[in-house]
Amino acid sequence: MATFITTIKFTQQGIKGIAESTKRAAALKAGAKKLGVKVTDIFWTMGDYDGLLILEAPDDETVAAMLLHLGAAGNVHTSTVRAFTASEMDKIAAKVSSV
C-alpha cells in the first residue's frame, strides 16, 4: 500500500459546520474504507492548514477518487503528496545510482 499525506483547509461552508467536523471525519473513514483506502490518522491543526490526513491506498487512482469525493462535499480543499518510507526511498535511490 502506498502512503499519502493530505493537508486540509476548511472552506467557508466547512467552517460554518465546524461542530460537525469530527462526525464528517468518521464518515470519511467509513467511505474511504469502502473504496479501499485506509485513513490511518486524522489531525486538526493550527497554522497554515486546518487538518492533516494520513492515508494508505493501493494506488494513486484509488486515493484520487476518495479525495474527489471528499472535495465534492464542499467542506474542505485538499493538497496531497505521496510519501515514501526509508525502505521505499532506498529502492528509489538505488535506481538513480544505476543510471
PDB file of N, CA and C in Angstrom:
ATOM      1  N   MET A   1       0.839  -1.183   0.000  1.00  0.00           N
ATOM      2  CA  MET A   1       0.000   0.000   0.000  1.00  0.00           C
ATOM      3  C   MET A   1       0.883   1.245   0.000  1.00  0.00           C
ATOM      4  N   ALA A   2       0.500   2.194  -0.788  1.00  0.00           N
ATOM      5  CA  ALA A   2       1.208   3.467  -0.851  1.00  0.00           C
ATOM      6  C   ALA A   2       0.670   4.402   0.237  1.00  0.00           C
ATOM      7  N   THR A   3       1.544   5.270   0.738  1.00  0.00           N
ATOM      8  CA  THR A   3       1.161   6.232   1.771  1.00  0.00           C
ATOM      9  C   THR A   3       1.027   7.619   1.148  1.00  0.00           C
ATOM     10  N   PHE A   4       0.009   8.353   1.584  1.00  0.00           N
ATOM     11  CA  PHE A   4      -0.258   9.698   1.101  1.00  0.00           C
ATOM     12  C   PHE A   4      -0.500  10.606   2.301  1.00  0.00           C
ATOM     13  N   ILE A   5      -0.037  11.843   2.202  1.00  0.00           N
ATOM     14  CA  ILE A   5      -0.282  12.849   3.228  1.00  0.00           C
ATOM     15  C   ILE A   5      -1.094  13.966   2.574  1.00  0.00           C
ATOM     16  N   THR A   6      -2.230  14.263   3.173  1.00  0.00           N
ATOM     17  CA  THR A   6      -3.135  15.270   2.631  1.00  0.00           C
ATOM     18  C   THR A   6      -3.312  16.402   3.643  1.00  0.00           C
ATOM     19  N   THR A   7      -3.058  17.623   3.193  1.00  0.00           N
ATOM     20  CA  THR A   7      -3.361  18.784   4.025  1.00  0.00           C
ATOM     21  C   THR A   7      -4.750  19.288   3.660  1.00  0.00           C
ATOM     22  N   ILE A   8      -5.411  19.836   4.664  1.00  0.00           N
ATOM     23  CA  ILE A   8      -6.798  20.276   4.512  1.00  0.00           C
ATOM     24  C   ILE A   8      -6.924  21.735   4.928  1.00  0.00           C
ATOM     25  N   LYS A   9      -7.709  22.471   4.154  1.00  0.00           N
ATOM     26  CA  LYS A   9      -8.134  23.828   4.534  1.00  0.00           C
ATOM     27  C   LYS A   9      -9.658  23.842   4.454  1.00  0.00           C
ATOM     28  N   PHE A  10     -10.278  24.332   5.518  1.00  0.00           N
ATOM     29  CA  PHE A  10     -11.734  24.421   5.520  1.00  0.00           C
ATOM     30  C   PHE A  10     -12.212  25.485   4.533  1.00  0.00           C
ATOM     31  N   THR A  11     -13.300  25.188   3.862  1.00  0.00           N
ATOM     32  CA  THR A  11     -13.997  26.185   3.062  1.00  0.00           C
ATOM     33  C   THR A  11     -14.893  26.987   4.014  1.00  0.00           C
ATOM     34  N   GLN A  12     -15.520  28.019   3.499  1.00  0.00           N
ATOM     35  CA  GLN A  12     -16.467  28.785   4.316  1.00  0.00           C
ATOM     36  C   GLN A  12     -17.578  27.866   4.814  1.00  0.00           C
ATOM     37  N   GLN A  13     -18.051  26.990   3.951  1.00  0.00           N
ATOM     38  CA  GLN A  13     -19.083  26.016   4.337  1.00  0.00           C
ATOM     39  C   GLN A  13     -18.578  25.109   5.453  1.00  0.00           C
ATOM     40  N   GLY A  14     -17.327  24.659   5.339  1.00  0.00           N
ATOM     41  CA  GLY A  14     -16.753  23.779   6.353  1.00  0.00           C
ATOM     42  C   GLY A  14     -16.618  24.454   7.701  1.00  0.00           C
ATOM     43  N   ILE A  15     -16.245  25.721   7.692  1.00  0.00           N
ATOM     44  CA  ILE A  15     -16.130  26.481   8.942  1.00  0.00           C
ATOM     45  C   ILE A  15     -17.509  26.676   9.574  1.00  0.00           C
ATOM     46  N   LYS A  16     -18.513  26.985   8.762  1.00  0.00           N
ATOM     47  CA  LYS A  16     -19.863  27.173   9.307  1.00  0.00           C
ATOM     48  C   LYS A  16     -20.365  25.906   9.998  1.00  0.00           C
ATOM     49  N   GLY A  17     -19.951  24.758   9.479  1.00  0.00           N
ATOM     50  CA  GLY A  17     -20.377  23.489  10.058  1.00  0.00           C
ATOM     51  C   GLY A  17     -19.301  22.830  10.907  1.00  0.00           C
ATOM     52  N   ILE A  18     -18.443  23.636  11.527  1.00  0.00           N
ATOM     53  CA  ILE A  18     -17.295  23.096  12.265  1.00  0.00           C
ATOM     54  C   ILE A  18     -17.706  22.145  13.390  1.00  0.00           C
ATOM     55  N   ALA A  19     -18.865  22.360  13.976  1.00  0.00           N
ATOM     56  CA  ALA A  19     -19.331  21.488  15.059  1.00  0.00           C
ATOM     57  C   ALA A  19     -19.522  20.047  14.582  1.00  0.00           C
ATOM     58  N   GLU A  20     -19.676  19.867  13.286  1.00  0.00           N
ATOM     59  CA  GLU A  20     -19.877  18.536  12.710  1.00  0.00           C
ATOM     60  C   GLU A  20     -18.576  17.923  12.179  1.00  0.00           C
ATOM     61  N   SER A  21     -17.461  18.605  12.376  1.00  0.00           N
ATOM     62  CA  SER A  21     -16.196  18.196  11.768  1.00  0.00           C
ATOM     63  C   SER A  21     -15.780  16.770  12.134  1.00  0.00           C
ATOM     64  N   THR A  22     -15.898  16.414  13.405  1.00  0.00           N
ATOM     65  CA  THR A  22     -15.470  15.059  13.793  1.00  0.00           C
ATOM     66  C   THR A  22     -16.427  14.005  13.244  1.00  0.00           C
ATOM     67  N   LYS A  23     -17.691  14.354  13.111  1.00  0.00           N
ATOM     68  CA  LYS A  23     -18.652  13.417  12.507  1.00  0.00           C
ATOM     69  C   LYS A  23     -18.354  13.239  11.023  1.00  0.00           C
ATOM     70  N   ARG A  24     -17.999  14.336  10.355  1.00  0.00           N
ATOM     71  CA  ARG A  24     -17.623  14.237   8.933  1.00  0.00           C
ATOM     72  C   ARG A  24     -16.369  13.387   8.781  1.00  0.00           C
ATOM     73  N   ALA A  25     -15.433  13.523   9.711  1.00  0.00           N
ATOM     74  CA  ALA A  25     -14.203  12.730   9.657  1.00  0.00           C
ATOM     75  C   ALA A  25     -14.510  11.239   9.811  1.00  0.00           C
ATOM     76  N   ALA A  26     -15.408  10.895  10.709  1.00  0.00           N
ATOM     77  CA  ALA A  26     -15.796   9.486  10.887  1.00  0.00           C
ATOM     78  C   ALA A  26     -16.452   8.944   9.619  1.00  0.00           C
ATOM     79  N   ALA A  27     -17.296   9.758   8.993  1.00  0.00           N
ATOM     80  CA  ALA A  27     -17.932   9.349   7.735  1.00  0.00           C
ATOM     81  C   ALA A  27     -16.892   9.177   6.631  1.00  0.00           C
ATOM     82  N   LEU A  28     -15.889  10.067   6.622  1.00  0.00           N
ATOM     83  CA  LEU A  28     -14.807   9.956   5.640  1.00  0.00           C
ATOM     84  C   LEU A  28     -14.092   8.617   5.793  1.00  0.00           C
ATOM     85  N   LYS A  29     -13.764   8.247   7.027  1.00  0.00           N
ATOM     86  CA  LYS A  29     -13.076   6.977   7.265  1.00  0.00           C
ATOM     87  C   LYS A  29     -13.893   5.797   6.739  1.00  0.00           C
ATOM     88  N   ALA A  30     -15.181   5.814   7.018  1.00  0.00           N
ATOM     89  CA  ALA A  30     -16.055   4.724   6.582  1.00  0.00           C
ATOM     90  C   ALA A  30     -16.159   4.667   5.057  1.00  0.00           C
ATOM     91  N   GLY A  31     -16.329   5.820   4.430  1.00  0.00           N
ATOM     92  CA  GLY A  31     -16.420   5.860   2.971  1.00  0.00           C
ATOM     93  C   GLY A  31     -15.118   5.476   2.300  1.00  0.00           C
ATOM     94  N   ALA A  32     -14.004   5.925   2.871  1.00  0.00           N
ATOM     95  CA  ALA A  32     -12.692   5.596   2.317  1.00  0.00           C
ATOM     96  C   ALA A  32     -12.465   4.096   2.348  1.00  0.00           C
ATOM     97  N   LYS A  33     -12.856   3.471   3.443  1.00  0.00           N
ATOM     98  CA  LYS A  33     -12.683   2.015   3.583  1.00  0.00           C
ATOM     99  C   LYS A  33     -13.408   1.271   2.459  1.00  0.00           C
ATOM    100  N   LYS A  34     -14.595   1.742   2.109  1.00  0.00           N
ATOM    101  CA  LYS A  34     -15.363   1.113   1.021  1.00  0.00           C
ATOM    102  C   LYS A  34     -14.621   1.194  -0.305  1.00  0.00           C
ATOM    103  N   LEU A  35     -13.817   2.262  -0.482  1.00  0.00           N
ATOM    104  CA  LEU A  35     -13.046   2.435  -1.716  1.00  0.00           C
ATOM    105  C   LEU A  35     -11.695   1.699  -1.672  1.00  0.00           C
ATOM    106  N   GLY A  36     -11.324   1.172  -0.503  1.00  0.00           N
ATOM    107  CA  GLY A  36     -10.035   0.503  -0.374  1.00  0.00           C
ATOM    108  C   GLY A  36      -8.931   1.395   0.149  1.00  0.00           C
ATOM    109  N   VAL A  37      -9.312   2.548   0.730  1.00  0.00           N
ATOM    110  CA  VAL A  37      -8.349   3.484   1.308  1.00  0.00           C
ATOM    111  C   VAL A  37      -8.428   3.375   2.825  1.00  0.00           C
ATOM    112  N   LYS A  38      -7.281   3.251   3.465  1.00  0.00           N
ATOM    113  CA  LYS A  38      -7.232   3.233   4.924  1.00  0.00           C
ATOM    114  C   LYS A  38      -6.799   4.613   5.406  1.00  0.00           C
ATOM    115  N   VAL A  39      -7.650   5.243   6.206  1.00  0.00           N
ATOM    116  CA  VAL A  39      -7.304   6.519   6.824  1.00  0.00           C
ATOM    117  C   VAL A  39      -6.610   6.163   8.135  1.00  0.00           C
ATOM    118  N   THR A  40      -5.282   6.278   8.163  1.00  0.00           N
ATOM    119  CA  THR A  40      -4.550   5.848   9.358  1.00  0.00           C
ATOM    120  C   THR A  40      -4.556   6.899  10.450  1.00  0.00           C
ATOM    121  N   ASP A  41      -4.617   8.186  10.088  1.00  0.00           N
ATOM    122  CA  ASP A  41      -4.670   9.256  11.083  1.00  0.00           C
ATOM    123  C   ASP A  41      -5.395  10.465  10.518  1.00  0.00           C
ATOM    124  N   ILE A  42      -6.100  11.155  11.398  1.00  0.00           N
ATOM    125  CA  ILE A  42      -6.725  12.435  11.084  1.00  0.00           C
ATOM    126  C   ILE A  42      -6.335  13.391  12.204  1.00  0.00           C
ATOM    127  N   PHE A  43      -5.810  14.543  11.821  1.00  0.00           N
ATOM    128  CA  PHE A  43      -5.434  15.564  12.798  1.00  0.00           C
ATOM    129  C   PHE A  43      -6.068  16.889  12.422  1.00  0.00           C
ATOM    130  N   TRP A  44      -6.518  17.626  13.426  1.00  0.00           N
ATOM    131  CA  TRP A  44      -6.928  19.018  13.243  1.00  0.00           C
ATOM    132  C   TRP A  44      -5.724  19.840  13.679  1.00  0.00           C
ATOM    133  N   THR A  45      -5.348  20.836  12.899  1.00  0.00           N
ATOM    134  CA  THR A  45      -4.097  21.542  13.152  1.00  0.00           C
ATOM    135  C   THR A  45      -4.299  23.054  13.227  1.00  0.00           C
ATOM    136  N   MET A  46      -3.279  23.722  13.735  1.00  0.00           N
ATOM    137  CA  MET A  46      -3.232  25.182  13.769  1.00  0.00           C
ATOM    138  C   MET A  46      -2.149  25.617  12.792  1.00  0.00           C
ATOM    139  N   GLY A  47      -2.277  26.804  12.254  1.00  0.00           N
ATOM    140  CA  GLY A  47      -1.262  27.306  11.343  1.00  0.00           C
ATOM    141  C   GLY A  47      -1.809  27.426   9.941  1.00  0.00           C
ATOM    142  N   ASP A  48      -0.971  27.131   8.952  1.00  0.00           N
ATOM    143  CA  ASP A  48      -1.357  27.291   7.553  1.00  0.00           C
ATOM    144  C   ASP A  48      -2.464  26.346   7.112  1.00  0.00           C
ATOM    145  N   TYR A  49      -2.587  25.207   7.778  1.00  0.00           N
ATOM    146  CA  TYR A  49      -3.584  24.206   7.403  1.00  0.00           C
ATOM    147  C   TYR A  49      -4.496  23.924   8.581  1.00  0.00           C
ATOM    148  N   ASP A  50      -5.715  23.511   8.276  1.00  0.00           N
ATOM    149  CA  ASP A  50      -6.702  23.207   9.311  1.00  0.00           C
ATOM    150  C   ASP A  50      -6.708  21.736   9.703  1.00  0.00           C
ATOM    151  N   GLY A  51      -6.110  20.905   8.865  1.00  0.00           N
ATOM    152  CA  GLY A  51      -6.103  19.485   9.166  1.00  0.00           C
ATOM    153  C   GLY A  51      -5.113  18.723   8.325  1.00  0.00           C
ATOM    154  N   LEU A  52      -4.934  17.473   8.708  1.00  0.00           N
ATOM    155  CA  LEU A  52      -3.978  16.588   8.041  1.00  0.00           C
ATOM    156  C   LEU A  52      -4.539  15.175   8.047  1.00  0.00           C
ATOM    157  N   LEU A  53      -4.462  14.522   6.901  1.00  0.00           N
ATOM    158  CA  LEU A  53      -4.857  13.118   6.776  1.00  0.00           C
ATOM    159  C   LEU A  53      -3.638  12.288   6.409  1.00  0.00           C
ATOM    160  N   ILE A  54      -3.510  11.132   7.000  1.00  0.00           N
ATOM    161  CA  ILE A  54      -2.516  10.147   6.585  1.00  0.00           C
ATOM    162  C   ILE A  54      -3.311   8.978   6.022  1.00  0.00           C
ATOM    163  N   LEU A  55      -3.048   8.660   4.767  1.00  0.00           N
ATOM    164  CA  LEU A  55      -3.828   7.654   4.038  1.00  0.00           C
ATOM    165  C   LEU A  55      -2.933   6.548   3.502  1.00  0.00           C
ATOM    166  N   GLU A  56      -3.496   5.359   3.386  1.00  0.00           N
ATOM    167  CA  GLU A  56      -2.849   4.263   2.681  1.00  0.00           C
ATOM    168  C   GLU A  56      -3.819   3.768   1.620  1.00  0.00           C
ATOM    169  N   ALA A  57      -3.314   3.612   0.412  1.00  0.00           N
ATOM    170  CA  ALA A  57      -4.158   3.176  -0.700  1.00  0.00           C
ATOM    171  C   ALA A  57      -3.344   2.294  -1.634  1.00  0.00           C
ATOM    172  N   PRO A  58      -4.021   1.428  -2.376  1.00  0.00           N
ATOM    173  CA  PRO A  58      -3.294   0.540  -3.280  1.00  0.00           C
ATOM    174  C   PRO A  58      -2.651   1.264  -4.457  1.00  0.00           C
ATOM    175  N   ASP A  59      -3.203   2.439  -4.836  1.00  0.00           N
ATOM    176  CA  ASP A  59      -2.652   3.163  -5.984  1.00  0.00           C
ATOM    177  C   ASP A  59      -3.142   4.607  -5.973  1.00  0.00           C
ATOM    178  N   ASP A  60      -2.550   5.416  -6.838  1.00  0.00           N
ATOM    179  CA  ASP A  60      -2.889   6.840  -6.930  1.00  0.00           C
ATOM    180  C   ASP A  60      -4.352   7.056  -7.299  1.00  0.00           C
ATOM    181  N   GLU A  61      -4.857   6.248  -8.219  1.00  0.00           N
ATOM    182  CA  GLU A  61      -6.220   6.433  -8.710  1.00  0.00           C
ATOM    183  C   GLU A  61      -7.242   6.241  -7.592  1.00  0.00           C
ATOM    184  N   THR A  62      -6.992   5.269  -6.721  1.00  0.00           N
ATOM    185  CA  THR A  62      -7.930   4.998  -5.632  1.00  0.00           C
ATOM    186  C   THR A  62      -7.981   6.157  -4.646  1.00  0.00           C
ATOM    187  N   VAL A  63      -6.819   6.667  -4.259  1.00  0.00           N
ATOM    188  CA  VAL A  63      -6.811   7.795  -3.323  1.00  0.00           C
ATOM    189  C   VAL A  63      -7.369   9.047  -4.001  1.00  0.00           C
ATOM    190  N   ALA A  64      -7.129   9.218  -5.284  1.00  0.00           N
ATOM    191  CA  ALA A  64      -7.685  10.370  -6.009  1.00  0.00           C
ATOM    192  C   ALA A  64      -9.211  10.318  -5.995  1.00  0.00           C
ATOM    193  N   ALA A  65      -9.789   9.147  -6.209  1.00  0.00           N
ATOM    194  CA  ALA A  65     -11.246   9.010  -6.178  1.00  0.00           C
ATOM    195  C   ALA A  65     -11.801   9.374  -4.807  1.00  0.00           C
ATOM    196  N   MET A  66     -11.140   8.916  -3.748  1.00  0.00           N
ATOM    197  CA  MET A  66     -11.590   9.239  -2.398  1.00  0.00           C
ATOM    198  C   MET A  66     -11.515  10.735  -2.124  1.00  0.00           C
ATOM    199  N   LEU A  67     -10.420  11.370  -2.551  1.00  0.00           N
ATOM    200  CA  LEU A  67     -10.243  12.801  -2.315  1.00  0.00           C
ATOM    201  C   LEU A  67     -11.191  13.647  -3.163  1.00  0.00           C
ATOM    202  N   LEU A  68     -11.509  13.196  -4.359  1.00  0.00           N
ATOM    203  CA  LEU A  68     -12.506  13.893  -5.169  1.00  0.00           C
ATOM    204  C   LEU A  68     -13.874  13.827  -4.502  1.00  0.00           C
ATOM    205  N   HIS A  69     -14.207  12.671  -3.935  1.00  0.00           N
ATOM    206  CA  HIS A  69     -15.458  12.519  -3.196  1.00  0.00           C
ATOM    207  C   HIS A  69     -15.475  13.475  -1.999  1.00  0.00           C
ATOM    208  N   LEU A  70     -14.365  13.551  -1.272  1.00  0.00           N
ATOM    209  CA  LEU A  70     -14.259  14.451  -0.122  1.00  0.00           C
ATOM    210  C   LEU A  70     -14.431  15.906  -0.554  1.00  0.00           C
ATOM    211  N   GLY A  71     -13.735  16.313  -1.591  1.00  0.00           N
ATOM    212  CA  GLY A  71     -13.820  17.684  -2.075  1.00  0.00           C
ATOM    213  C   GLY A  71     -15.193  18.055  -2.582  1.00  0.00           C
ATOM    214  N   ALA A  72     -15.887  17.096  -3.189  1.00  0.00           N
ATOM    215  CA  ALA A  72     -17.211  17.359  -3.745  1.00  0.00           C
ATOM    216  C   ALA A  72     -18.235  17.714  -2.665  1.00  0.00           C
ATOM    217  N   ALA A  73     -17.978  17.319  -1.425  1.00  0.00           N
ATOM    218  CA  ALA A  73     -18.890  17.657  -0.332  1.00  0.00           C
ATOM    219  C   ALA A  73     -18.851  19.152  -0.010  1.00  0.00           C
ATOM    220  N   GLY A  74     -17.763  19.830  -0.409  1.00  0.00           N
ATOM    221  CA  GLY A  74     -17.689  21.275  -0.281  1.00  0.00           C
ATOM    222  C   GLY A  74     -17.185  21.826   1.037  1.00  0.00           C
ATOM    223  N   ASN A  75     -16.723  20.966   1.937  1.00  0.00           N
ATOM    224  CA  ASN A  75     -16.285  21.435   3.249  1.00  0.00           C
ATOM    225  C   ASN A  75     -14.799  21.737   3.346  1.00  0.00           C
ATOM    226  N   VAL A  76     -14.010  21.162   2.440  1.00  0.00           N
ATOM    227  CA  VAL A  76     -12.559  21.340   2.519  1.00  0.00           C
ATOM    228  C   VAL A  76     -11.940  21.422   1.132  1.00  0.00           C
ATOM    229  N   HIS A  77     -10.771  22.031   1.096  1.00  0.00           N
ATOM    230  CA  HIS A  77      -9.862  21.966  -0.045  1.00  0.00           C
ATOM    231  C   HIS A  77      -8.699  21.092   0.412  1.00  0.00           C
ATOM    232  N   THR A  78      -8.167  20.291  -0.494  1.00  0.00           N
ATOM    233  CA  THR A  78      -7.083  19.388  -0.115  1.00  0.00           C
ATOM    234  C   THR A  78      -5.870  19.573  -1.021  1.00  0.00           C
ATOM    235  N   SER A  79      -4.729  19.165  -0.486  1.00  0.00           N
ATOM    236  CA  SER A  79      -3.486  19.086  -1.243  1.00  0.00           C
ATOM    237  C   SER A  79      -2.791  17.815  -0.773  1.00  0.00           C
ATOM    238  N   THR A  80      -2.398  16.968  -1.714  1.00  0.00           N
ATOM    239  CA  THR A  80      -1.897  15.638  -1.363  1.00  0.00           C
ATOM    240  C   THR A  80      -0.534  15.374  -1.967  1.00  0.00           C
ATOM    241  N   VAL A  81       0.302  14.718  -1.184  1.00  0.00           N
ATOM    242  CA  VAL A  81       1.608  14.272  -1.656  1.00  0.00           C
ATOM    243  C   VAL A  81       1.759  12.784  -1.371  1.00  0.00           C
ATOM    244  N   ARG A  82       2.544  12.123  -2.183  1.00  0.00           N
ATOM    245  CA  ARG A  82       2.888  10.715  -1.965  1.00  0.00           C
ATOM    246  C   ARG A  82       4.063  10.699  -1.016  1.00  0.00           C
ATOM    247  N   ALA A  83       4.015   9.852  -0.004  1.00  0.00           N
ATOM    248  CA  ALA A  83       5.087   9.738   0.974  1.00  0.00           C
ATOM    249  C   ALA A  83       5.777   8.386   0.822  1.00  0.00           C
ATOM    250  N   PHE A  84       7.079   8.360   1.070  1.00  0.00           N
ATOM    251  CA  PHE A  84       7.865   7.134   0.923  1.00  0.00           C
ATOM    252  C   PHE A  84       8.537   6.775   2.242  1.00  0.00           C
ATOM    253  N   THR A  85       8.526   5.495   2.577  1.00  0.00           N
ATOM    254  CA  THR A  85       9.244   5.004   3.748  1.00  0.00           C
ATOM    255  C   THR A  85      10.737   4.964   3.429  1.00  0.00           C
ATOM    256  N   ALA A  86      11.558   4.739   4.441  1.00  0.00           N
ATOM    257  CA  ALA A  86      13.004   4.631   4.222  1.00  0.00           C
ATOM    258  C   ALA A  86      13.316   3.482   3.269  1.00  0.00           C
ATOM    259  N   SER A  87      12.636   2.374   3.423  1.00  0.00           N
ATOM    260  CA  SER A  87      12.849   1.218   2.543  1.00  0.00           C
ATOM    261  C   SER A  87      12.505   1.552   1.093  1.00  0.00           C
ATOM    262  N   GLU A  88      11.379   2.222   0.892  1.00  0.00           N
ATOM    263  CA  GLU A  88      10.984   2.627  -0.458  1.00  0.00           C
ATOM    264  C   GLU A  88      11.990   3.607  -1.038  1.00  0.00           C
ATOM    265  N   MET A  89      12.469   4.527  -0.217  1.00  0.00           N
ATOM    266  CA  MET A  89      13.439   5.520  -0.685  1.00  0.00           C
ATOM    267  C   MET A  89      14.755   4.863  -1.063  1.00  0.00           C
ATOM    268  N   ASP A  90      15.183   3.831  -0.321  1.00  0.00           N
ATOM    269  CA  ASP A  90      16.401   3.095  -0.675  1.00  0.00           C
ATOM    270  C   ASP A  90      16.281   2.477  -2.070  1.00  0.00           C
ATOM    271  N   LYS A  91      15.103   1.918  -2.388  1.00  0.00           N
ATOM    272  CA  LYS A  91      14.879   1.329  -3.716  1.00  0.00           C
ATOM    273  C   LYS A  91      14.923   2.408  -4.804  1.00  0.00           C
ATOM    274  N   ILE A  92      14.339   3.553  -4.509  1.00  0.00           N
ATOM    275  CA  ILE A  92      14.350   4.662  -5.475  1.00  0.00           C
ATOM    276  C   ILE A  92      15.775   5.141  -5.701  1.00  0.00           C
ATOM    277  N   ALA A  93      16.519   5.337  -4.620  1.00  0.00           N
ATOM    278  CA  ALA A  93      17.895   5.819  -4.718  1.00  0.00           C
ATOM    279  C   ALA A  93      18.782   4.834  -5.459  1.00  0.00           C
ATOM    280  N   ALA A  94      18.525   3.544  -5.290  1.00  0.00           N
ATOM    281  CA  ALA A  94      19.302   2.530  -5.996  1.00  0.00           C
ATOM    282  C   ALA A  94      19.107   2.649  -7.508  1.00  0.00           C
ATOM    283  N   LYS A  95      17.898   2.982  -7.927  1.00  0.00           N
ATOM    284  CA  LYS A  95      17.617   3.156  -9.354  1.00  0.00           C
ATOM    285  C   LYS A  95      18.352   4.377  -9.902  1.00  0.00           C
ATOM    286  N   VAL A  96      18.423   5.422  -9.100  1.00  0.00           N
ATOM    287  CA  VAL A  96      19.115   6.646  -9.529  1.00  0.00           C
ATOM    288  C   VAL A  96      20.587   6.381  -9.733  1.00  0.00           C
ATOM    289  N   SER A  97      21.210   5.668  -8.804  1.00  0.00           N
ATOM    290  CA  SER A  97      22.646   5.431  -8.903  1.00  0.00           C
ATOM    291  C   SER A  97      23.007   4.440  -9.989  1.00  0.00           C
ATOM    292  N   SER A  98      22.018   3.699 -10.518  1.00  0.00           N
ATOM    293  CA  SER A  98      22.328   2.727 -11.574  1.00  0.00           C
ATOM    294  C   SER A  98      22.225   3.333 -12.981  1.00  0.00           C
ATOM    295  N   VAL A  99      21.839   4.587 -13.070  1.00  0.00           N
ATOM    296  CA  VAL A  99      21.662   5.239 -14.371  1.00  0.00           C
ATOM    297  C   VAL A  99      23.005   5.740 -14.878  1.00  0.00           C
TER     298      VAL A  99
END
